[in-house]
Amino acid sequence: MSEGDAPGSRPLVVIPTYNESASLPSVLAALLGLPGALEVLVVDDNSPDGTGGLVRRHAEYGSRVHLLERPAKLGLGSAYKDGFQWALRGGYTAALEMDADLSHDPQDVPRLLAALDGGADIAVGSRYLQGISVVHWPLWRLMLSLGASLYTRLLTRMPMTDPTSGFKAFRRAVIERLDWRRITPEGYGFQIAVHFFARRSGFRVREVPIVFTERREGRSKLSFGITIEAVLLVLRLSLLRLRDAVFGVR
């Protein structure tokens, strides 16, 4: 791979899974049907429902579909970090985050990659860039998401409409240069930390409007513990931002 390679020329979609055998076949079919040289890495945390075996039996396993198996349920954040390191070793030009439950539309992947090709370092799929673009969410879930976004923006001063979004594309250079040791949350706080430290490092973060659809199969992984983790994370990041402002520390 040369420095002149476009980010969208050899992208890898990283999909963490835990008990996603019901929805994953549809996601894989949609992704592999997109134009270009897109490949998919499923990072499975030893799903008891046989998600890993489903991937190994896929017709394109070993060519365009890959599997990284982990011994236990180790968390979303570490799954993405392991997947990104796998992408670096494989020489991919870009890596994408995407859920396995069809809440993220595979048809939006080319739009995220186009934003990278257009100059963004990270392209983030935003549910709120053009109003509220969420389908089939209960009111409490929408209020929680909107509240988390507002809380994050106010305390971190990140100029993003959807700082908790988990649908995004990275240039290879971002994955290589971010200090992933500082990005420790395992829930959706992972997304907040990625955006914060990427912007702090000078990377260009661009939001792309998407429509988010509530999962069609399985159960949400959101929990009270994950929410508290994110709340405390934002407080820590706000203190770090204030330290930067006062002392010019990086």
C-alpha atoms as a PDB file:
ATOM      1  CA  MET A   1       0.000   0.000   0.000  1.00  0.00           C
ATOM      2  CA  SER A   2       1.365   3.422  -0.923  1.00  0.00           C
ATOM      3  CA  GLU A   3       0.799   6.855   0.603  1.00  0.00           C
ATOM      4  CA  GLY A   4      -1.304   7.747  -2.427  1.00  0.00           C
ATOM      5  CA  ASP A   5      -3.897   5.033  -1.900  1.00  0.00           C
ATOM      6  CA  ALA A   6      -7.392   6.465  -1.421  1.00  0.00           C
ATOM      7  CA  PRO A   7      -8.982   5.464   1.910  1.00  0.00           C
ATOM      8  CA  GLY A   8     -11.881   3.860   0.068  1.00  0.00           C
ATOM      9  CA  SER A   9      -9.670   1.704  -2.164  1.00  0.00           C
ATOM     10  CA  ARG A  10      -9.367  -1.226   0.274  1.00  0.00           C
ATOM     11  CA  PRO A  11     -11.668  -0.776   3.262  1.00  0.00           C
ATOM     12  CA  LEU A  12     -12.475  -3.218   6.047  1.00  0.00           C
ATOM     13  CA  VAL A  13     -15.770  -3.161   7.967  1.00  0.00           C
ATOM     14  CA  VAL A  14     -15.228  -4.252  11.586  1.00  0.00           C
ATOM     15  CA  ILE A  15     -18.342  -5.757  13.197  1.00  0.00           C
ATOM     16  CA  PRO A  16     -18.227  -6.811  16.887  1.00  0.00           C
ATOM     17  CA  THR A  17     -20.668  -9.596  17.704  1.00  0.00           C
ATOM     18  CA  TYR A  18     -22.153 -11.356  20.681  1.00  0.00           C
ATOM     19  CA  ASN A  19     -25.191 -13.514  19.877  1.00  0.00           C
ATOM     20  CA  GLU A  20     -25.947 -11.899  16.517  1.00  0.00           C
ATOM     21  CA  SER A  21     -26.543 -15.019  14.404  1.00  0.00           C
ATOM     22  CA  ALA A  22     -30.103 -13.915  13.529  1.00  0.00           C
ATOM     23  CA  SER A  23     -29.161 -10.617  11.875  1.00  0.00           C
ATOM     24  CA  LEU A  24     -25.551 -11.099  10.762  1.00  0.00           C
ATOM     25  CA  PRO A  25     -26.302 -13.016   7.508  1.00  0.00           C
ATOM     26  CA  SER A  26     -28.395 -10.102   6.225  1.00  0.00           C
ATOM     27  CA  VAL A  27     -25.684  -7.603   7.150  1.00  0.00           C
ATOM     28  CA  LEU A  28     -22.986  -9.627   5.400  1.00  0.00           C
ATOM     29  CA  ALA A  29     -25.111 -10.078   2.278  1.00  0.00           C
ATOM     30  CA  ALA A  30     -25.803  -6.344   2.064  1.00  0.00           C
ATOM     31  CA  LEU A  31     -22.178  -5.355   2.617  1.00  0.00           C
ATOM     32  CA  LEU A  32     -20.774  -7.849   0.120  1.00  0.00           C
ATOM     33  CA  GLY A  33     -23.298  -6.632  -2.444  1.00  0.00           C
ATOM     34  CA  LEU A  34     -21.852  -3.116  -2.385  1.00  0.00           C
ATOM     35  CA  PRO A  35     -19.526  -2.063  -5.207  1.00  0.00           C
ATOM     36  CA  GLY A  36     -15.778  -2.039  -4.647  1.00  0.00           C
ATOM     37  CA  ALA A  37     -13.286  -4.171  -2.778  1.00  0.00           C
ATOM     38  CA  LEU A  38     -15.009  -4.084   0.596  1.00  0.00           C
ATOM     39  CA  GLU A  39     -14.106  -6.808   3.124  1.00  0.00           C
ATOM     40  CA  VAL A  40     -15.644  -7.618   6.505  1.00  0.00           C
ATOM     41  CA  LEU A  41     -14.066  -8.671   9.796  1.00  0.00           C
ATOM     42  CA  VAL A  42     -16.402 -10.129  12.432  1.00  0.00           C
ATOM     43  CA  VAL A  43     -14.935  -9.861  15.943  1.00  0.00           C
ATOM     44  CA  ASP A  44     -16.870 -12.450  17.921  1.00  0.00           C
ATOM     45  CA  ASP A  45     -16.741 -12.763  21.711  1.00  0.00           C
ATOM     46  CA  ASN A  46     -17.393 -16.512  21.874  1.00  0.00           C
ATOM     47  CA  SER A  47     -21.123 -16.146  21.189  1.00  0.00           C
ATOM     48  CA  PRO A  48     -23.066 -19.120  22.584  1.00  0.00           C
ATOM     49  CA  ASP A  49     -25.568 -18.847  19.701  1.00  0.00           C
ATOM     50  CA  GLY A  50     -22.969 -19.966  17.142  1.00  0.00           C
ATOM     51  CA  THR A  51     -22.248 -16.609  15.482  1.00  0.00           C
ATOM     52  CA  GLY A  52     -18.610 -17.573  14.956  1.00  0.00           C
ATOM     53  CA  GLY A  53     -19.512 -20.845  13.266  1.00  0.00           C
ATOM     54  CA  LEU A  54     -21.926 -19.024  10.978  1.00  0.00           C
ATOM     55  CA  VAL A  55     -19.061 -16.807   9.802  1.00  0.00           C
ATOM     56  CA  ARG A  56     -16.750 -19.762   9.208  1.00  0.00           C
ATOM     57  CA  ARG A  57     -19.395 -21.411   7.023  1.00  0.00           C
ATOM     58  CA  HIS A  58     -19.887 -18.338   4.859  1.00  0.00           C
ATOM     59  CA  ALA A  59     -19.169 -18.878   1.160  1.00  0.00           C
ATOM     60  CA  GLU A  60     -16.621 -16.031   1.140  1.00  0.00           C
ATOM     61  CA  TYR A  61     -14.951 -16.887   4.432  1.00  0.00           C
ATOM     62  CA  GLY A  62     -11.204 -16.402   4.095  1.00  0.00           C
ATOM     63  CA  SER A  63     -11.532 -14.166   1.040  1.00  0.00           C
ATOM     64  CA  ARG A  64     -13.836 -11.226   1.773  1.00  0.00           C
ATOM     65  CA  VAL A  65     -15.261 -12.378   5.122  1.00  0.00           C
ATOM     66  CA  HIS A  66     -12.929 -12.851   8.084  1.00  0.00           C
ATOM     67  CA  LEU A  67     -13.303 -13.861  11.722  1.00  0.00           C
ATOM     68  CA  LEU A  68     -11.404 -12.790  14.814  1.00  0.00           C
ATOM     69  CA  GLU A  69     -12.518 -14.992  17.699  1.00  0.00           C
ATOM     70  CA  ARG A  70     -12.026 -13.897  21.296  1.00  0.00           C
ATOM     71  CA  PRO A  71     -12.352 -16.204  24.311  1.00  0.00           C
ATOM     72  CA  ALA A  72     -15.142 -14.379  26.164  1.00  0.00           C
ATOM     73  CA  LYS A  73     -17.371 -11.298  26.202  1.00  0.00           C
ATOM     74  CA  LEU A  74     -14.645  -8.677  26.557  1.00  0.00           C
ATOM     75  CA  GLY A  75     -16.493  -5.532  25.513  1.00  0.00           C
ATOM     76  CA  LEU A  76     -17.260  -3.369  22.511  1.00  0.00           C
ATOM     77  CA  GLY A  77     -14.325  -0.999  22.851  1.00  0.00           C
ATOM     78  CA  SER A  78     -11.671  -3.689  22.991  1.00  0.00           C
ATOM     79  CA  ALA A  79     -13.360  -5.532  20.106  1.00  0.00           C
ATOM     80  CA  TYR A  80     -12.972  -2.491  17.893  1.00  0.00           C
ATOM     81  CA  LYS A  81      -9.394  -1.923  18.990  1.00  0.00           C
ATOM     82  CA  ASP A  82      -8.502  -5.551  18.249  1.00  0.00           C
ATOM     83  CA  GLY A  83     -10.248  -5.264  14.902  1.00  0.00           C
ATOM     84  CA  PHE A  84      -8.386  -2.086  14.000  1.00  0.00           C
ATOM     85  CA  GLN A  85      -5.032  -3.679  14.769  1.00  0.00           C
ATOM     86  CA  TRP A  86      -6.052  -6.619  12.559  1.00  0.00           C
ATOM     87  CA  ALA A  87      -6.816  -4.094   9.800  1.00  0.00           C
ATOM     88  CA  LEU A  88      -3.379  -2.508  10.154  1.00  0.00           C
ATOM     89  CA  ARG A  89      -1.653  -5.876   9.906  1.00  0.00           C
ATOM     90  CA  GLY A  90      -3.710  -6.658   6.815  1.00  0.00           C
ATOM     91  CA  GLY A  91      -2.739  -3.469   5.004  1.00  0.00           C
ATOM     92  CA  TYR A  92      -6.250  -2.015   4.683  1.00  0.00           C
ATOM     93  CA  THR A  93      -6.581   1.636   3.682  1.00  0.00           C
ATOM     94  CA  ALA A  94      -9.579   2.347   5.925  1.00  0.00           C
ATOM     95  CA  ALA A  95     -11.601   0.694   8.669  1.00  0.00           C
ATOM     96  CA  LEU A  96     -15.240   1.162   9.545  1.00  0.00           C
ATOM     97  CA  GLU A  97     -17.248   0.572  12.702  1.00  0.00           C
ATOM     98  CA  MET A  98     -20.692  -0.915  12.223  1.00  0.00           C
ATOM     99  CA  ASP A  99     -23.287  -2.748  14.309  1.00  0.00           C
ATOM    100  CA  ALA A 100     -24.378  -6.275  13.417  1.00  0.00           C
ATOM    101  CA  ASP A 101     -28.098  -5.723  13.985  1.00  0.00           C
ATOM    102  CA  LEU A 102     -29.079  -3.697  10.869  1.00  0.00           C
ATOM    103  CA  SER A 103     -29.517  -0.513  12.885  1.00  0.00           C
ATOM    104  CA  HIS A 104     -26.789   0.895  10.623  1.00  0.00           C
ATOM    105  CA  ASP A 105     -27.727   0.762   6.945  1.00  0.00           C
ATOM    106  CA  PRO A 106     -25.012  -0.917   4.839  1.00  0.00           C
ATOM    107  CA  GLN A 107     -26.030   1.368   1.966  1.00  0.00           C
ATOM    108  CA  ASP A 108     -24.512   4.270   3.922  1.00  0.00           C
ATOM    109  CA  VAL A 109     -21.033   2.711   3.908  1.00  0.00           C
ATOM    110  CA  PRO A 110     -20.091   4.178   0.486  1.00  0.00           C
ATOM    111  CA  ARG A 111     -21.129   7.630   1.714  1.00  0.00           C
ATOM    112  CA  LEU A 112     -18.812   7.380   4.722  1.00  0.00           C
ATOM    113  CA  LEU A 113     -15.958   6.233   2.499  1.00  0.00           C
ATOM    114  CA  ALA A 114     -16.679   9.067   0.057  1.00  0.00           C
ATOM    115  CA  ALA A 115     -16.263  11.530   2.954  1.00  0.00           C
ATOM    116  CA  LEU A 116     -12.814  10.069   3.618  1.00  0.00           C
ATOM    117  CA  ASP A 117     -11.913  10.332  -0.048  1.00  0.00           C
ATOM    118  CA  GLY A 118     -13.127  13.933   0.134  1.00  0.00           C
ATOM    119  CA  GLY A 119     -10.643  14.847   2.864  1.00  0.00           C
ATOM    120  CA  ALA A 120     -12.092  13.745   6.205  1.00  0.00           C
ATOM    121  CA  ASP A 121      -9.915  11.707   8.545  1.00  0.00           C
ATOM    122  CA  ILE A 122     -12.971  10.269  10.328  1.00  0.00           C
ATOM    123  CA  ALA A 123     -16.455  10.202   8.799  1.00  0.00           C
ATOM    124  CA  VAL A 124     -19.174   9.811  11.435  1.00  0.00           C
ATOM    125  CA  GLY A 125     -22.723   8.745  10.629  1.00  0.00           C
ATOM    126  CA  SER A 126     -24.956  11.210  12.468  1.00  0.00           C
ATOM    127  CA  ARG A 127     -28.542  10.522  13.494  1.00  0.00           C
ATOM    128  CA  TYR A 128     -29.123  14.212  14.235  1.00  0.00           C
ATOM    129  CA  LEU A 129     -27.313  16.228  11.555  1.00  0.00           C
ATOM    130  CA  GLN A 130     -30.535  16.786   9.607  1.00  0.00           C
ATOM    131  CA  GLY A 131     -33.043  16.690  12.435  1.00  0.00           C
ATOM    132  CA  ILE A 132     -33.914  13.453  14.236  1.00  0.00           C
ATOM    133  CA  SER A 133     -33.362  10.490  11.906  1.00  0.00           C
ATOM    134  CA  VAL A 134     -34.214   7.522  14.135  1.00  0.00           C
ATOM    135  CA  VAL A 135     -36.779   4.818  13.361  1.00  0.00           C
ATOM    136  CA  HIS A 136     -38.660   2.600  15.857  1.00  0.00           C
ATOM    137  CA  TRP A 137     -36.988   3.894  19.018  1.00  0.00           C
ATOM    138  CA  PRO A 138     -39.155   4.220  22.140  1.00  0.00           C
ATOM    139  CA  LEU A 139     -39.365   7.771  23.463  1.00  0.00           C
ATOM    140  CA  TRP A 140     -37.207   7.015  26.525  1.00  0.00           C
ATOM    141  CA  ARG A 141     -34.390   5.711  24.335  1.00  0.00           C
ATOM    142  CA  LEU A 142     -34.503   8.759  22.079  1.00  0.00           C
ATOM    143  CA  MET A 143     -34.472  11.092  25.089  1.00  0.00           C
ATOM    144  CA  LEU A 144     -31.519   9.214  26.568  1.00  0.00           C
ATOM    145  CA  SER A 145     -29.569   9.518  23.318  1.00  0.00           C
ATOM    146  CA  LEU A 146     -30.392  13.196  22.836  1.00  0.00           C
ATOM    147  CA  GLY A 147     -29.562  13.904  26.463  1.00  0.00           C
ATOM    148  CA  ALA A 148     -26.237  12.074  26.214  1.00  0.00           C
ATOM    149  CA  SER A 149     -25.350  14.038  23.073  1.00  0.00           C
ATOM    150  CA  LEU A 150     -26.216  17.376  24.674  1.00  0.00           C
ATOM    151  CA  TYR A 151     -24.355  16.534  27.900  1.00  0.00           C
ATOM    152  CA  THR A 152     -21.282  15.482  25.911  1.00  0.00           C
ATOM    153  CA  ARG A 153     -21.286  18.559  23.685  1.00  0.00           C
ATOM    154  CA  LEU A 154     -21.698  20.959  26.602  1.00  0.00           C
ATOM    155  CA  LEU A 155     -18.890  19.502  28.700  1.00  0.00           C
ATOM    156  CA  THR A 156     -16.382  18.583  25.993  1.00  0.00           C
ATOM    157  CA  ARG A 157     -17.194  21.412  23.543  1.00  0.00           C
ATOM    158  CA  MET A 158     -17.023  18.963  20.638  1.00  0.00           C
ATOM    159  CA  PRO A 159     -18.903  20.542  17.697  1.00  0.00           C
ATOM    160  CA  MET A 160     -20.729  17.351  16.775  1.00  0.00           C
ATOM    161  CA  THR A 161     -24.449  16.622  16.535  1.00  0.00           C
ATOM    162  CA  ASP A 162     -23.977  12.919  17.371  1.00  0.00           C
ATOM    163  CA  PRO A 163     -20.867  12.372  19.530  1.00  0.00           C
ATOM    164  CA  THR A 164     -22.060   8.912  20.651  1.00  0.00           C
ATOM    165  CA  SER A 165     -22.460   7.521  17.122  1.00  0.00           C
ATOM    166  CA  GLY A 166     -21.033   4.038  16.551  1.00  0.00           C
ATOM    167  CA  PHE A 167     -21.153   4.115  12.737  1.00  0.00           C
ATOM    168  CA  LYS A 168     -17.992   5.639  11.306  1.00  0.00           C
ATOM    169  CA  ALA A 169     -15.038   5.253   8.958  1.00  0.00           C
ATOM    170  CA  PHE A 170     -11.365   5.917   9.726  1.00  0.00           C
ATOM    171  CA  ARG A 171      -8.417   6.608   7.503  1.00  0.00           C
ATOM    172  CA  ARG A 172      -5.576   4.208   8.188  1.00  0.00           C
ATOM    173  CA  ALA A 173      -3.433   7.089   9.477  1.00  0.00           C
ATOM    174  CA  VAL A 174      -5.894   7.753  12.310  1.00  0.00           C
ATOM    175  CA  ILE A 175      -5.723   4.165  13.498  1.00  0.00           C
ATOM    176  CA  GLU A 176      -1.946   4.242  13.334  1.00  0.00           C
ATOM    177  CA  ARG A 177      -1.519   7.495  15.246  1.00  0.00           C
ATOM    178  CA  LEU A 178      -4.237   7.589  17.884  1.00  0.00           C
ATOM    179  CA  ASP A 179      -3.068   6.616  21.370  1.00  0.00           C
ATOM    180  CA  TRP A 180      -5.533   3.773  21.884  1.00  0.00           C
ATOM    181  CA  ARG A 181      -4.215   3.190  25.411  1.00  0.00           C
ATOM    182  CA  ARG A 182      -6.075   6.353  26.461  1.00  0.00           C
ATOM    183  CA  ILE A 183      -9.359   5.146  24.974  1.00  0.00           C
ATOM    184  CA  THR A 184     -10.502   2.679  27.608  1.00  0.00           C
ATOM    185  CA  PRO A 185     -14.340   2.630  27.794  1.00  0.00           C
ATOM    186  CA  GLU A 186     -16.107  -0.531  26.663  1.00  0.00           C
ATOM    187  CA  GLY A 187     -19.609   0.847  26.065  1.00  0.00           C
ATOM    188  CA  TYR A 188     -20.761   3.793  23.955  1.00  0.00           C
ATOM    189  CA  GLY A 189     -18.343   5.943  25.923  1.00  0.00           C
ATOM    190  CA  PHE A 190     -15.753   4.398  23.604  1.00  0.00           C
ATOM    191  CA  GLN A 191     -17.256   6.418  20.737  1.00  0.00           C
ATOM    192  CA  ILE A 192     -17.117   9.656  22.732  1.00  0.00           C
ATOM    193  CA  ALA A 193     -13.476   9.068  23.651  1.00  0.00           C
ATOM    194  CA  VAL A 194     -12.513   8.288  20.058  1.00  0.00           C
ATOM    195  CA  HIS A 195     -14.055  11.539  18.822  1.00  0.00           C
ATOM    196  CA  PHE A 196     -12.517  13.578  21.637  1.00  0.00           C
ATOM    197  CA  PHE A 197      -8.957  12.305  21.259  1.00  0.00           C
ATOM    198  CA  ALA A 198      -9.127  12.336  17.466  1.00  0.00           C
ATOM    199  CA  ARG A 199     -10.113  16.001  17.439  1.00  0.00           C
ATOM    200  CA  ARG A 200      -7.545  16.754  20.142  1.00  0.00           C
ATOM    201  CA  SER A 201      -4.901  15.189  17.891  1.00  0.00           C
ATOM    202  CA  GLY A 202      -5.872  17.441  15.013  1.00  0.00           C
ATOM    203  CA  PHE A 203      -7.750  14.926  12.855  1.00  0.00           C
ATOM    204  CA  ARG A 204     -10.600  16.187  10.683  1.00  0.00           C
ATOM    205  CA  VAL A 205     -13.922  14.738  11.864  1.00  0.00           C
ATOM    206  CA  ARG A 206     -16.847  15.133   9.454  1.00  0.00           C
ATOM    207  CA  GLU A 207     -20.435  14.078  10.125  1.00  0.00           C
ATOM    208  CA  VAL A 208     -22.546  12.435   7.427  1.00  0.00           C
ATOM    209  CA  PRO A 209     -26.349  12.212   7.829  1.00  0.00           C
ATOM    210  CA  ILE A 210     -27.760   8.706   8.284  1.00  0.00           C
ATOM    211  CA  VAL A 211     -31.042   7.097   9.308  1.00  0.00           C
ATOM    212  CA  PHE A 212     -30.756   4.827  12.342  1.00  0.00           C
ATOM    213  CA  THR A 213     -33.239   1.955  12.655  1.00  0.00           C
ATOM    214  CA  GLU A 214     -33.766   0.093  15.930  1.00  0.00           C
ATOM    215  CA  ARG A 215     -32.461  -3.475  15.828  1.00  0.00           C
ATOM    216  CA  ARG A 216     -34.782  -5.985  14.180  1.00  0.00           C
ATOM    217  CA  GLU A 217     -33.411  -9.094  15.907  1.00  0.00           C
ATOM    218  CA  GLY A 218     -31.958  -9.857  19.327  1.00  0.00           C
ATOM    219  CA  ARG A 219     -31.667  -7.598  22.346  1.00  0.00           C
ATOM    220  CA  SER A 220     -29.916  -4.282  22.932  1.00  0.00           C
ATOM    221  CA  LYS A 221     -26.589  -4.435  24.819  1.00  0.00           C
ATOM    222  CA  LEU A 222     -27.229  -1.072  26.510  1.00  0.00           C
ATOM    223  CA  SER A 223     -27.082  -1.290  30.311  1.00  0.00           C
ATOM    224  CA  PHE A 224     -27.075   0.994  33.351  1.00  0.00           C
ATOM    225  CA  GLY A 225     -23.374   0.300  33.888  1.00  0.00           C
ATOM    226  CA  ILE A 226     -22.536   1.379  30.334  1.00  0.00           C
ATOM    227  CA  THR A 227     -24.460   4.621  30.848  1.00  0.00           C
ATOM    228  CA  ILE A 228     -22.649   5.424  34.110  1.00  0.00           C
ATOM    229  CA  GLU A 229     -19.303   4.674  32.444  1.00  0.00           C
ATOM    230  CA  ALA A 230     -20.099   7.249  29.746  1.00  0.00           C
ATOM    231  CA  VAL A 231     -21.266   9.878  32.255  1.00  0.00           C
ATOM    232  CA  LEU A 232     -18.034   9.620  34.247  1.00  0.00           C
ATOM    233  CA  LEU A 233     -15.945   9.566  31.086  1.00  0.00           C
ATOM    234  CA  VAL A 234     -17.399  12.871  29.888  1.00  0.00           C
ATOM    235  CA  LEU A 235     -16.585  14.454  33.251  1.00  0.00           C
ATOM    236  CA  ARG A 236     -12.968  13.316  32.934  1.00  0.00           C
ATOM    237  CA  LEU A 237     -12.724  14.579  29.361  1.00  0.00           C
ATOM    238  CA  SER A 238     -14.145  17.955  30.380  1.00  0.00           C
ATOM    239  CA  LEU A 239     -11.423  18.301  33.024  1.00  0.00           C
ATOM    240  CA  LEU A 240      -8.826  17.374  30.431  1.00  0.00           C
ATOM    241  CA  ARG A 241     -10.226  20.009  28.072  1.00  0.00           C
ATOM    242  CA  LEU A 242     -10.003  22.639  30.823  1.00  0.00           C
ATOM    243  CA  ARG A 243      -6.425  21.635  31.572  1.00  0.00           C
ATOM    244  CA  ASP A 244      -5.575  22.014  27.897  1.00  0.00           C
ATOM    245  CA  ALA A 245      -7.179  25.456  27.818  1.00  0.00           C
ATOM    246  CA  VAL A 246      -5.354  26.714  30.918  1.00  0.00           C
ATOM    247  CA  PHE A 247      -1.929  25.128  30.420  1.00  0.00           C
ATOM    248  CA  GLY A 248      -1.826  24.354  26.711  1.00  0.00           C
ATOM    249  CA  VAL A 249      -1.085  20.710  27.545  1.00  0.00           C
ATOM    250  CA  ARG A 250      -1.385  17.916  24.931  1.00  0.00           C
END
